[in-house]
Amino acid sequence: MFDFFKRKPRVYSKIENHIYGIITELLKVSSTDINVDELGGKYYLSNEEQHFKVTILSNDYVIRLTNTRDSVAEKYDKVFVEDVLKAVKEEKHRRMEVVYDSITNSIEKMAERLHNTLIESNELESQKVRRLETNEIENKKVNF
């Protein structure tokens, strides 16, 4: 009865499927750089190894694909461009989490090493103080 409320999955054209596939494959490769200009609504994917670049203009719903020989820019359906942007943003976010986790782990390891160094340093200082105290006692002469 309420089937008309369900959102039907978007069916892309053959070219949209092809472009979506290219972009998602680029996102899977770690050597693909992702740069974002949020204010300008521009998203850039660049893979120097494969000599391939993608520019997504979210405000105009334009996607430009560039390789060493050709550059093609086309205006696409709003929903399609938003789906592509969603994939780009998810990968950008995932990469940022990986970097964040790496930095956090490095900081934690550095803090642990510093903590251990401080503990060792304090123990050495305590031993020096104990030696000084015992030396002073030994050097004192007892008068009767």
N, C-alpha and C. Protein backbone atom coordinates (compact mmCIF):
# COMPACT_ATOMS: atom_id res chain seq x y z
N MET A 1 0.80 -1.18 0.00
CA MET A 1 0.00 0.00 0.00
C MET A 1 0.86 1.27 0.00
N PHE A 2 2.00 1.22 0.72
CA PHE A 2 2.86 2.40 0.81
C PHE A 2 4.08 2.27 -0.10
N ASP A 3 4.00 1.48 -1.13
CA ASP A 3 5.13 1.30 -2.03
C ASP A 3 5.52 2.59 -2.74
N PHE A 4 4.58 3.49 -2.93
CA PHE A 4 4.91 4.72 -3.64
C PHE A 4 5.76 5.66 -2.79
N PHE A 5 5.86 5.42 -1.47
CA PHE A 5 6.72 6.23 -0.61
C PHE A 5 8.18 5.79 -0.68
N LYS A 6 8.42 4.56 -1.06
CA LYS A 6 9.79 4.06 -1.14
C LYS A 6 10.52 4.74 -2.29
N ARG A 7 11.73 5.14 -1.99
CA ARG A 7 12.54 5.77 -3.03
C ARG A 7 13.15 4.68 -3.90
N LYS A 8 12.89 4.76 -5.16
CA LYS A 8 13.43 3.77 -6.08
C LYS A 8 14.90 4.06 -6.33
N PRO A 9 15.72 3.03 -6.42
CA PRO A 9 17.14 3.28 -6.67
C PRO A 9 17.33 3.99 -8.01
N ARG A 10 18.26 4.90 -8.02
CA ARG A 10 18.53 5.68 -9.22
C ARG A 10 19.21 4.80 -10.25
N VAL A 11 18.71 4.83 -11.46
CA VAL A 11 19.32 4.09 -12.55
C VAL A 11 20.11 5.09 -13.39
N TYR A 12 21.41 4.85 -13.48
CA TYR A 12 22.27 5.75 -14.24
C TYR A 12 22.30 5.34 -15.71
N SER A 13 22.60 6.31 -16.54
CA SER A 13 22.80 6.00 -17.97
C SER A 13 24.11 5.23 -18.11
N LYS A 14 24.36 4.72 -19.28
CA LYS A 14 25.57 3.96 -19.53
C LYS A 14 26.81 4.81 -19.29
N ILE A 15 26.80 6.06 -19.76
CA ILE A 15 27.95 6.94 -19.59
C ILE A 15 28.13 7.31 -18.11
N GLU A 16 27.01 7.55 -17.40
CA GLU A 16 27.09 7.86 -15.97
C GLU A 16 27.68 6.68 -15.20
N ASN A 17 27.24 5.47 -15.53
CA ASN A 17 27.81 4.27 -14.88
C ASN A 17 29.31 4.19 -15.13
N HIS A 18 29.71 4.47 -16.36
CA HIS A 18 31.12 4.41 -16.72
C HIS A 18 31.93 5.45 -15.94
N ILE A 19 31.43 6.66 -15.87
CA ILE A 19 32.13 7.73 -15.15
C ILE A 19 32.18 7.43 -13.66
N TYR A 20 31.07 6.97 -13.11
CA TYR A 20 31.03 6.62 -11.68
C TYR A 20 32.05 5.52 -11.39
N GLY A 21 32.15 4.54 -12.29
CA GLY A 21 33.13 3.46 -12.13
C GLY A 21 34.56 3.98 -12.17
N ILE A 22 34.84 4.89 -13.10
CA ILE A 22 36.19 5.47 -13.20
C ILE A 22 36.54 6.19 -11.90
N ILE A 23 35.61 7.01 -11.42
CA ILE A 23 35.87 7.81 -10.22
C ILE A 23 36.04 6.92 -9.00
N THR A 24 35.19 5.92 -8.84
CA THR A 24 35.32 5.04 -7.66
C THR A 24 36.61 4.23 -7.73
N GLU A 25 37.04 3.83 -8.92
CA GLU A 25 38.32 3.12 -9.05
C GLU A 25 39.49 4.04 -8.71
N LEU A 26 39.41 5.29 -9.15
CA LEU A 26 40.46 6.26 -8.78
C LEU A 26 40.53 6.45 -7.28
N LEU A 27 39.37 6.49 -6.64
CA LEU A 27 39.33 6.69 -5.19
C LEU A 27 39.94 5.52 -4.43
N LYS A 28 39.88 4.34 -5.01
CA LYS A 28 40.42 3.15 -4.35
C LYS A 28 41.95 3.15 -4.35
N VAL A 29 42.56 3.86 -5.28
CA VAL A 29 44.01 3.89 -5.42
C VAL A 29 44.58 4.93 -4.46
N SER A 30 45.50 4.49 -3.62
CA SER A 30 46.04 5.40 -2.60
C SER A 30 46.87 6.54 -3.21
N SER A 31 47.37 6.36 -4.42
CA SER A 31 48.17 7.42 -5.04
C SER A 31 47.31 8.52 -5.65
N THR A 32 46.00 8.39 -5.57
CA THR A 32 45.11 9.43 -6.06
C THR A 32 44.96 10.51 -4.99
N ASP A 33 45.30 11.73 -5.36
CA ASP A 33 45.16 12.86 -4.45
C ASP A 33 43.74 13.39 -4.52
N ILE A 34 43.21 13.76 -3.36
CA ILE A 34 41.89 14.36 -3.29
C ILE A 34 42.05 15.75 -2.69
N ASN A 35 41.65 16.76 -3.45
CA ASN A 35 41.71 18.14 -2.97
C ASN A 35 40.32 18.75 -3.08
N VAL A 36 39.99 19.56 -2.09
CA VAL A 36 38.63 20.09 -2.01
C VAL A 36 38.68 21.61 -1.80
N ASP A 37 37.87 22.30 -2.55
CA ASP A 37 37.63 23.73 -2.35
C ASP A 37 36.16 23.85 -2.01
N GLU A 38 35.85 23.72 -0.71
CA GLU A 38 34.45 23.72 -0.26
C GLU A 38 33.73 25.01 -0.62
N LEU A 39 34.42 26.15 -0.45
CA LEU A 39 33.77 27.43 -0.74
C LEU A 39 33.41 27.56 -2.21
N GLY A 40 34.31 27.12 -3.07
CA GLY A 40 34.06 27.21 -4.50
C GLY A 40 33.26 26.04 -5.04
N GLY A 41 33.03 25.02 -4.21
CA GLY A 41 32.29 23.86 -4.65
C GLY A 41 33.03 23.02 -5.67
N LYS A 42 34.38 23.00 -5.54
CA LYS A 42 35.19 22.26 -6.50
C LYS A 42 35.90 21.10 -5.80
N TYR A 43 35.92 19.97 -6.47
CA TYR A 43 36.57 18.77 -5.95
C TYR A 43 37.51 18.26 -7.03
N TYR A 44 38.75 17.96 -6.62
CA TYR A 44 39.76 17.56 -7.58
C TYR A 44 40.32 16.19 -7.20
N LEU A 45 40.36 15.31 -8.16
CA LEU A 45 41.03 14.02 -8.00
C LEU A 45 42.18 14.02 -9.00
N SER A 46 43.34 13.60 -8.56
CA SER A 46 44.49 13.61 -9.45
C SER A 46 45.33 12.37 -9.19
N ASN A 47 45.63 11.65 -10.25
CA ASN A 47 46.51 10.50 -10.16
C ASN A 47 47.61 10.69 -11.19
N GLU A 48 48.78 11.12 -10.71
CA GLU A 48 49.90 11.42 -11.61
C GLU A 48 50.44 10.15 -12.29
N GLU A 49 50.39 9.02 -11.56
CA GLU A 49 50.90 7.77 -12.15
C GLU A 49 50.11 7.37 -13.39
N GLN A 50 48.80 7.57 -13.33
CA GLN A 50 47.94 7.20 -14.46
C GLN A 50 47.64 8.41 -15.36
N HIS A 51 48.23 9.56 -15.05
CA HIS A 51 48.02 10.79 -15.83
C HIS A 51 46.54 11.07 -16.02
N PHE A 52 45.82 11.05 -14.92
CA PHE A 52 44.37 11.21 -14.98
C PHE A 52 43.91 12.18 -13.91
N LYS A 53 43.03 13.10 -14.31
CA LYS A 53 42.49 14.08 -13.37
C LYS A 53 40.98 14.17 -13.54
N VAL A 54 40.31 14.43 -12.42
CA VAL A 54 38.87 14.63 -12.43
C VAL A 54 38.59 15.92 -11.66
N THR A 55 37.79 16.77 -12.24
CA THR A 55 37.34 17.98 -11.56
C THR A 55 35.83 17.93 -11.50
N ILE A 56 35.30 18.12 -10.29
CA ILE A 56 33.84 18.11 -10.11
C ILE A 56 33.43 19.49 -9.62
N LEU A 57 32.59 20.14 -10.39
CA LEU A 57 32.06 21.45 -10.03
C LEU A 57 30.65 21.22 -9.49
N SER A 58 30.54 21.19 -8.17
CA SER A 58 29.27 20.80 -7.56
C SER A 58 28.17 21.83 -7.78
N ASN A 59 28.53 23.09 -7.89
CA ASN A 59 27.51 24.13 -8.07
C ASN A 59 26.86 24.07 -9.46
N ASP A 60 27.65 23.64 -10.45
CA ASP A 60 27.15 23.60 -11.83
C ASP A 60 26.82 22.19 -12.29
N TYR A 61 27.10 21.19 -11.45
CA TYR A 61 26.88 19.76 -11.77
C TYR A 61 27.67 19.35 -13.02
N VAL A 62 28.92 19.81 -13.06
CA VAL A 62 29.81 19.51 -14.18
C VAL A 62 30.93 18.62 -13.69
N ILE A 63 31.25 17.62 -14.50
CA ILE A 63 32.40 16.74 -14.21
C ILE A 63 33.33 16.81 -15.41
N ARG A 64 34.60 17.10 -15.12
CA ARG A 64 35.62 17.15 -16.18
C ARG A 64 36.59 16.01 -15.96
N LEU A 65 36.79 15.21 -16.99
CA LEU A 65 37.77 14.13 -16.97
C LEU A 65 38.91 14.52 -17.90
N THR A 66 40.13 14.39 -17.41
CA THR A 66 41.30 14.81 -18.20
C THR A 66 42.36 13.73 -18.13
N ASN A 67 42.86 13.33 -19.31
CA ASN A 67 44.04 12.47 -19.35
C ASN A 67 45.08 13.15 -20.23
N THR A 68 46.11 12.44 -20.63
CA THR A 68 47.19 13.10 -21.37
C THR A 68 46.74 13.58 -22.75
N ARG A 69 45.73 12.95 -23.32
CA ARG A 69 45.31 13.32 -24.68
C ARG A 69 44.05 14.15 -24.73
N ASP A 70 43.11 13.89 -23.82
CA ASP A 70 41.79 14.50 -23.93
C ASP A 70 41.35 15.15 -22.63
N SER A 71 40.41 16.05 -22.77
CA SER A 71 39.74 16.64 -21.63
C SER A 71 38.27 16.81 -22.01
N VAL A 72 37.40 16.22 -21.23
CA VAL A 72 35.97 16.27 -21.53
C VAL A 72 35.23 16.76 -20.30
N ALA A 73 34.41 17.79 -20.50
CA ALA A 73 33.59 18.31 -19.41
C ALA A 73 32.13 18.24 -19.85
N GLU A 74 31.32 17.68 -18.99
CA GLU A 74 29.89 17.54 -19.29
C GLU A 74 29.08 17.92 -18.07
N LYS A 75 27.90 18.43 -18.32
CA LYS A 75 26.96 18.71 -17.25
C LYS A 75 26.10 17.46 -17.06
N TYR A 76 25.93 17.06 -15.78
CA TYR A 76 25.18 15.84 -15.48
C TYR A 76 24.01 16.15 -14.57
N ASP A 77 23.21 15.15 -14.39
CA ASP A 77 22.04 15.24 -13.52
C ASP A 77 22.49 15.53 -12.09
N LYS A 78 21.73 16.36 -11.38
CA LYS A 78 22.07 16.77 -10.01
C LYS A 78 22.25 15.56 -9.09
N VAL A 79 21.35 14.60 -9.17
CA VAL A 79 21.41 13.42 -8.30
C VAL A 79 22.67 12.61 -8.57
N PHE A 80 23.03 12.48 -9.84
CA PHE A 80 24.24 11.73 -10.19
C PHE A 80 25.48 12.42 -9.61
N VAL A 81 25.61 13.72 -9.80
CA VAL A 81 26.76 14.46 -9.29
C VAL A 81 26.81 14.39 -7.77
N GLU A 82 25.66 14.48 -7.12
CA GLU A 82 25.63 14.36 -5.65
C GLU A 82 26.07 12.98 -5.19
N ASP A 83 25.70 11.93 -5.93
CA ASP A 83 26.16 10.57 -5.59
C ASP A 83 27.67 10.45 -5.76
N VAL A 84 28.20 11.05 -6.82
CA VAL A 84 29.66 11.02 -7.04
C VAL A 84 30.36 11.77 -5.90
N LEU A 85 29.81 12.94 -5.56
CA LEU A 85 30.41 13.74 -4.48
C LEU A 85 30.35 13.00 -3.15
N LYS A 86 29.28 12.27 -2.94
CA LYS A 86 29.16 11.49 -1.70
C LYS A 86 30.30 10.47 -1.61
N ALA A 87 30.59 9.80 -2.71
CA ALA A 87 31.69 8.82 -2.73
C ALA A 87 33.02 9.51 -2.49
N VAL A 88 33.23 10.68 -3.10
CA VAL A 88 34.49 11.42 -2.93
C VAL A 88 34.64 11.87 -1.47
N LYS A 89 33.57 12.42 -0.92
CA LYS A 89 33.63 12.90 0.46
C LYS A 89 33.85 11.77 1.46
N GLU A 90 33.23 10.61 1.22
CA GLU A 90 33.43 9.46 2.11
C GLU A 90 34.88 9.00 2.08
N GLU A 91 35.48 8.96 0.89
CA GLU A 91 36.88 8.54 0.80
C GLU A 91 37.80 9.57 1.43
N LYS A 92 37.52 10.85 1.22
CA LYS A 92 38.32 11.92 1.84
C LYS A 92 38.24 11.79 3.37
N HIS A 93 37.04 11.56 3.87
CA HIS A 93 36.84 11.41 5.31
C HIS A 93 37.58 10.18 5.83
N ARG A 94 37.51 9.06 5.09
CA ARG A 94 38.19 7.83 5.50
C ARG A 94 39.70 8.07 5.57
N ARG A 95 40.23 8.76 4.58
CA ARG A 95 41.68 9.04 4.56
C ARG A 95 42.06 9.96 5.71
N MET A 96 41.22 10.92 6.00
CA MET A 96 41.51 11.83 7.12
C MET A 96 41.50 11.06 8.44
N GLU A 97 40.59 10.09 8.59
CA GLU A 97 40.56 9.28 9.80
C GLU A 97 41.84 8.46 9.94
N VAL A 98 42.32 7.92 8.81
CA VAL A 98 43.55 7.13 8.83
C VAL A 98 44.72 8.02 9.28
N VAL A 99 44.80 9.22 8.73
CA VAL A 99 45.87 10.15 9.12
C VAL A 99 45.72 10.54 10.58
N TYR A 100 44.50 10.83 11.00
CA TYR A 100 44.23 11.20 12.39
C TYR A 100 44.65 10.08 13.33
N ASP A 101 44.26 8.84 12.99
CA ASP A 101 44.63 7.70 13.82
C ASP A 101 46.15 7.53 13.89
N SER A 102 46.81 7.73 12.76
CA SER A 102 48.26 7.61 12.71
C SER A 102 48.93 8.67 13.59
N ILE A 103 48.45 9.90 13.49
CA ILE A 103 49.00 10.98 14.30
C ILE A 103 48.74 10.72 15.78
N THR A 104 47.52 10.28 16.10
CA THR A 104 47.17 9.98 17.49
C THR A 104 48.07 8.88 18.04
N ASN A 105 48.28 7.83 17.25
CA ASN A 105 49.16 6.74 17.70
C ASN A 105 50.59 7.23 17.91
N SER A 106 51.08 8.07 17.01
CA SER A 106 52.43 8.62 17.16
C SER A 106 52.55 9.45 18.42
N ILE A 107 51.56 10.28 18.68
CA ILE A 107 51.57 11.12 19.88
C ILE A 107 51.53 10.25 21.13
N GLU A 108 50.68 9.21 21.12
CA GLU A 108 50.59 8.32 22.28
C GLU A 108 51.92 7.60 22.53
N LYS A 109 52.57 7.13 21.46
CA LYS A 109 53.86 6.46 21.61
C LYS A 109 54.92 7.43 22.13
N MET A 110 54.91 8.66 21.60
CA MET A 110 55.87 9.65 22.05
C MET A 110 55.64 9.98 23.53
N ALA A 111 54.37 10.11 23.92
CA ALA A 111 54.06 10.40 25.33
C ALA A 111 54.48 9.25 26.23
N GLU A 112 54.29 8.03 25.77
CA GLU A 112 54.70 6.86 26.56
C GLU A 112 56.23 6.83 26.73
N ARG A 113 56.96 7.11 25.63
CA ARG A 113 58.42 7.15 25.73
C ARG A 113 58.88 8.25 26.68
N LEU A 114 58.26 9.41 26.58
CA LEU A 114 58.60 10.52 27.46
C LEU A 114 58.31 10.15 28.91
N HIS A 115 57.16 9.53 29.14
CA HIS A 115 56.80 9.09 30.49
C HIS A 115 57.84 8.11 31.04
N ASN A 116 58.21 7.13 30.23
CA ASN A 116 59.20 6.13 30.66
C ASN A 116 60.55 6.80 30.92
N THR A 117 60.93 7.75 30.08
CA THR A 117 62.20 8.47 30.28
C THR A 117 62.17 9.25 31.58
N LEU A 118 61.05 9.91 31.85
CA LEU A 118 60.92 10.66 33.10
C LEU A 118 60.99 9.75 34.32
N ILE A 119 60.35 8.60 34.23
CA ILE A 119 60.39 7.64 35.35
C ILE A 119 61.83 7.18 35.58
N GLU A 120 62.53 6.82 34.49
CA GLU A 120 63.92 6.39 34.61
C GLU A 120 64.78 7.51 35.19
N SER A 121 64.57 8.71 34.70
CA SER A 121 65.33 9.86 35.19
C SER A 121 65.09 10.09 36.68
N ASN A 122 63.84 10.00 37.10
CA ASN A 122 63.51 10.16 38.52
C ASN A 122 64.15 9.07 39.37
N GLU A 123 64.15 7.84 38.85
CA GLU A 123 64.77 6.74 39.59
C GLU A 123 66.27 6.97 39.75
N LEU A 124 66.92 7.44 38.67
CA LEU A 124 68.36 7.72 38.73
C LEU A 124 68.65 8.83 39.74
N GLU A 125 67.83 9.88 39.73
CA GLU A 125 68.01 10.98 40.68
C GLU A 125 67.82 10.49 42.11
N SER A 126 66.83 9.63 42.32
CA SER A 126 66.60 9.08 43.66
C SER A 126 67.80 8.27 44.12
N GLN A 127 68.38 7.47 43.22
CA GLN A 127 69.55 6.68 43.59
C GLN A 127 70.73 7.60 43.93
N LYS A 128 70.92 8.68 43.17
CA LYS A 128 72.00 9.62 43.45
C LYS A 128 71.81 10.26 44.83
N VAL A 129 70.57 10.64 45.13
CA VAL A 129 70.29 11.25 46.43
C VAL A 129 70.58 10.25 47.54
N ARG A 130 70.18 8.99 47.37
CA ARG A 130 70.44 7.97 48.40
C ARG A 130 71.94 7.78 48.59
N ARG A 131 72.69 7.77 47.48
CA ARG A 131 74.15 7.60 47.59
C ARG A 131 74.77 8.78 48.33
N LEU A 132 74.31 9.98 47.99
CA LEU A 132 74.83 11.16 48.68
C LEU A 132 74.53 11.10 50.17
N GLU A 133 73.34 10.67 50.52
CA GLU A 133 72.97 10.59 51.94
C GLU A 133 73.83 9.57 52.65
N THR A 134 74.05 8.42 52.04
CA THR A 134 74.87 7.40 52.69
C THR A 134 76.32 7.82 52.77
N ASN A 135 76.81 8.53 51.75
CA ASN A 135 78.19 9.01 51.77
C ASN A 135 78.39 10.02 52.90
N GLU A 136 77.46 10.89 53.10
CA GLU A 136 77.58 11.89 54.17
C GLU A 136 77.62 11.21 55.53
N ILE A 137 76.83 10.20 55.73
CA ILE A 137 76.81 9.48 57.00
C ILE A 137 78.13 8.77 57.23
N GLU A 138 78.68 8.14 56.20
CA GLU A 138 79.93 7.41 56.33
C GLU A 138 81.10 8.36 56.65
N ASN A 139 81.06 9.56 56.10
CA ASN A 139 82.16 10.51 56.29
C ASN A 139 82.15 11.16 57.66
N LYS A 140 81.04 11.11 58.35
CA LYS A 140 80.98 11.74 59.67
C LYS A 140 81.71 10.87 60.69
N LYS A 141 82.45 11.51 61.53
CA LYS A 141 83.17 10.79 62.59
C LYS A 141 82.38 10.92 63.87
N VAL A 142 82.39 9.88 64.58
CA VAL A 142 81.66 9.88 65.84
C VAL A 142 82.65 10.21 66.95
N ASN A 143 82.33 11.20 67.73
CA ASN A 143 83.19 11.59 68.87
C ASN A 143 82.57 11.08 70.17
N PHE A 144 83.43 10.42 70.98
CA PHE A 144 82.98 9.95 72.31
C PHE A 144 83.65 10.68 73.38
